[in-house]
Amino acid sequence: MHAMDSIDWPDCTLVETKPGVQSGAPILRGTRLPVAALVDNFAYGVGVAEIAEQFDVPIESIHAIVTYAESRRVGHRV
C-alpha cells in the first residue's frame, strides 16, 4: 500500500490531477511529479531537505505537502 493511498488531495493547492498525466494520479502542480513519490520518501524516513534536493522541488513545497498529508491521513501515519 502506498503511504498516500488514503489521503484526500482536492484541498491542497500544490496538488492537481490531470487525466492524461501519470494516469490521473495526484501530481505536484505544474509538473509531472507524482505526489506519491514525495510522501512515500518521507514515510520511508527521507528528510524534507533531502527530498527537495532529490526531486529539485522547493523545500517549502515539500514541507507543505507533507504537512497536508499528515493532516489528511486516514488510518495511517505519514
Protein backbone atom coordinates (compact mmCIF):
# COMPACT_ATOMS: atom_id res chain seq x y z
CA MET A 1 0.00 0.00 0.00
CA HIS A 2 1.30 3.46 -0.86
CA ALA A 3 1.83 5.82 2.03
CA MET A 4 -0.65 8.24 0.44
CA ASP A 5 -3.44 5.84 -0.57
CA SER A 6 -5.83 7.27 1.97
CA ILE A 7 -5.05 10.99 1.53
CA ASP A 8 -7.67 13.27 0.02
CA TRP A 9 -5.84 15.91 -2.07
CA PRO A 10 -8.55 18.24 -3.51
CA ASP A 11 -7.99 20.96 -0.90
CA CYS A 12 -4.21 21.10 -1.40
CA THR A 13 -3.40 23.92 -3.83
CA LEU A 14 0.03 22.42 -4.60
CA VAL A 15 -1.51 19.23 -5.97
CA GLU A 16 -3.52 18.62 -9.13
CA THR A 17 -4.75 15.70 -11.18
CA LYS A 18 -4.88 15.53 -14.95
CA PRO A 19 -6.35 12.50 -16.73
CA GLY A 20 -3.50 12.32 -19.27
CA VAL A 21 -0.66 12.83 -16.79
CA GLN A 22 0.60 9.96 -14.60
CA SER A 23 -2.66 8.09 -15.25
CA GLY A 24 -4.61 10.72 -13.31
CA ALA A 25 -2.60 10.26 -10.09
CA PRO A 26 -2.15 13.38 -7.93
CA ILE A 27 0.90 15.37 -9.09
CA LEU A 28 2.76 18.44 -7.94
CA ARG A 29 1.00 21.33 -9.71
CA GLY A 30 2.74 22.34 -12.93
CA THR A 31 4.89 19.19 -13.07
CA ARG A 32 4.56 15.52 -13.90
CA LEU A 33 5.92 14.55 -10.46
CA PRO A 34 3.60 12.17 -8.59
CA VAL A 35 2.92 13.37 -5.06
CA ALA A 36 3.22 9.72 -4.00
CA ALA A 37 6.97 9.91 -4.67
CA LEU A 38 7.32 12.78 -2.22
CA VAL A 39 5.06 11.38 0.50
CA ASP A 40 6.41 7.84 0.16
CA ASN A 41 10.00 9.04 0.52
CA PHE A 42 9.06 10.96 3.67
CA ALA A 43 7.20 7.93 5.04
CA TYR A 44 10.32 5.83 4.46
CA GLY A 45 12.36 8.24 6.58
CA VAL A 46 13.91 10.56 3.99
CA GLY A 47 14.13 14.12 5.31
CA VAL A 48 12.27 17.06 3.76
CA ALA A 49 15.51 18.79 2.68
CA GLU A 50 16.81 15.63 1.00
CA ILE A 51 13.50 15.08 -0.82
CA ALA A 52 13.55 18.70 -2.04
CA GLU A 53 17.08 18.26 -3.35
CA GLN A 54 16.43 14.82 -4.86
CA PHE A 55 13.37 15.98 -6.83
CA ASP A 56 14.51 19.61 -7.38
CA VAL A 57 11.42 20.99 -5.66
CA PRO A 58 11.38 23.96 -3.26
CA ILE A 59 11.71 22.78 0.33
CA GLU A 60 8.65 24.88 1.25
CA SER A 61 6.55 22.85 -1.20
CA ILE A 62 7.75 19.55 0.24
CA HIS A 63 7.09 20.73 3.77
CA ALA A 64 3.58 21.93 2.81
CA ILE A 65 2.72 18.66 1.04
CA VAL A 66 4.00 16.51 3.92
CA THR A 67 2.13 18.65 6.46
CA TYR A 68 -1.05 18.42 4.38
CA ALA A 69 -0.63 14.64 4.03
CA GLU A 70 -0.17 14.23 7.78
CA SER A 71 -3.29 16.28 8.49
CA ARG A 72 -5.41 14.34 5.97
CA ARG A 73 -4.20 10.83 6.65
CA VAL A 74 -6.92 8.27 7.29
CA GLY A 75 -5.84 5.34 9.42
CA HIS A 76 -2.08 5.55 8.80
CA ARG A 77 0.62 7.92 9.99
CA VAL A 78 2.88 9.54 7.35
